[in-house]
Amino acid sequence: MPGTLLTEWFRTHPRAKIIDPTPGMGPILGAEFIAIAIGDLAIFGTPARLASYGGLARTK
């Protein structure tokens, strides 16, 4: 099944506990966020900016 290894990797990543509870986030999008942020989610500034980057929240 596609994404199985990625899902397993995401579930063991230390940042998964921050990303996974966000509504609309799953292991594939979560892994993409980790890759974009190079593991440092602080580059998004706030949880709202993180969610809006993924199209999961309104920006205005």
Protein backbone atom coordinates (compact mmCIF):
# COMPACT_ATOMS: atom_id res chain seq x y z
CA MET A 1 0.00 0.00 0.00
CA PRO A 2 1.46 3.41 -0.97
CA GLY A 3 2.45 5.59 1.91
CA THR A 4 2.85 2.77 4.42
CA LEU A 5 6.55 3.42 5.03
CA LEU A 6 5.93 7.16 5.12
CA THR A 7 3.10 6.68 7.61
CA GLU A 8 5.30 4.51 9.84
CA TRP A 9 8.12 7.08 9.65
CA PHE A 10 5.75 9.94 10.46
CA ARG A 11 4.22 8.14 13.46
CA THR A 12 7.68 7.73 15.02
CA HIS A 13 8.83 11.31 14.38
CA PRO A 14 8.96 13.51 17.51
CA ARG A 15 6.95 16.28 15.79
CA ALA A 16 4.08 13.93 14.90
CA LYS A 17 2.49 14.48 18.31
CA ILE A 18 2.19 18.18 17.45
CA ILE A 19 0.94 17.77 13.88
CA ASP A 20 -1.28 14.68 14.05
CA PRO A 21 -4.03 16.08 16.32
CA THR A 22 -4.66 18.98 13.92
CA PRO A 23 -7.98 18.43 12.12
CA GLY A 24 -7.39 17.56 8.48
CA MET A 25 -3.80 16.49 9.03
CA GLY A 26 -2.69 12.97 8.42
CA PRO A 27 0.61 11.19 8.08
CA ILE A 28 1.20 12.15 4.43
CA LEU A 29 0.54 15.89 4.83
CA GLY A 30 2.26 15.79 8.24
CA ALA A 31 5.39 14.27 6.71
CA GLU A 32 5.33 16.97 4.03
CA PHE A 33 5.24 19.67 6.71
CA ILE A 34 8.20 18.10 8.50
CA ALA A 35 10.14 17.94 5.24
CA ILE A 36 9.35 21.57 4.35
CA ALA A 37 10.26 22.77 7.84
CA ILE A 38 13.37 20.56 7.92
CA GLY A 39 12.02 19.29 11.25
CA ASP A 40 11.67 22.74 12.81
CA LEU A 41 7.99 23.67 12.89
CA ALA A 42 8.88 27.01 14.50
CA ILE A 43 9.39 28.41 11.00
CA PHE A 44 5.60 28.63 10.75
CA GLY A 45 5.44 30.90 13.80
CA THR A 46 2.01 29.92 15.11
CA PRO A 47 -0.29 26.89 14.92
CA ALA A 48 -2.71 28.97 12.83
CA ARG A 49 -0.02 29.72 10.25
CA LEU A 50 0.92 26.05 10.13
CA ALA A 51 -2.71 25.10 9.46
CA SER A 52 -3.23 27.85 6.90
CA TYR A 53 -0.10 26.77 5.00
CA GLY A 54 -1.69 23.37 4.49
CA GLY A 55 -5.02 24.91 3.47
CA LEU A 56 -6.66 23.72 6.66
CA ALA A 57 -7.65 27.11 8.04
CA ARG A 58 -8.89 30.41 6.74
CA THR A 59 -6.34 33.13 6.42
CA LYS A 60 -8.79 35.98 7.01
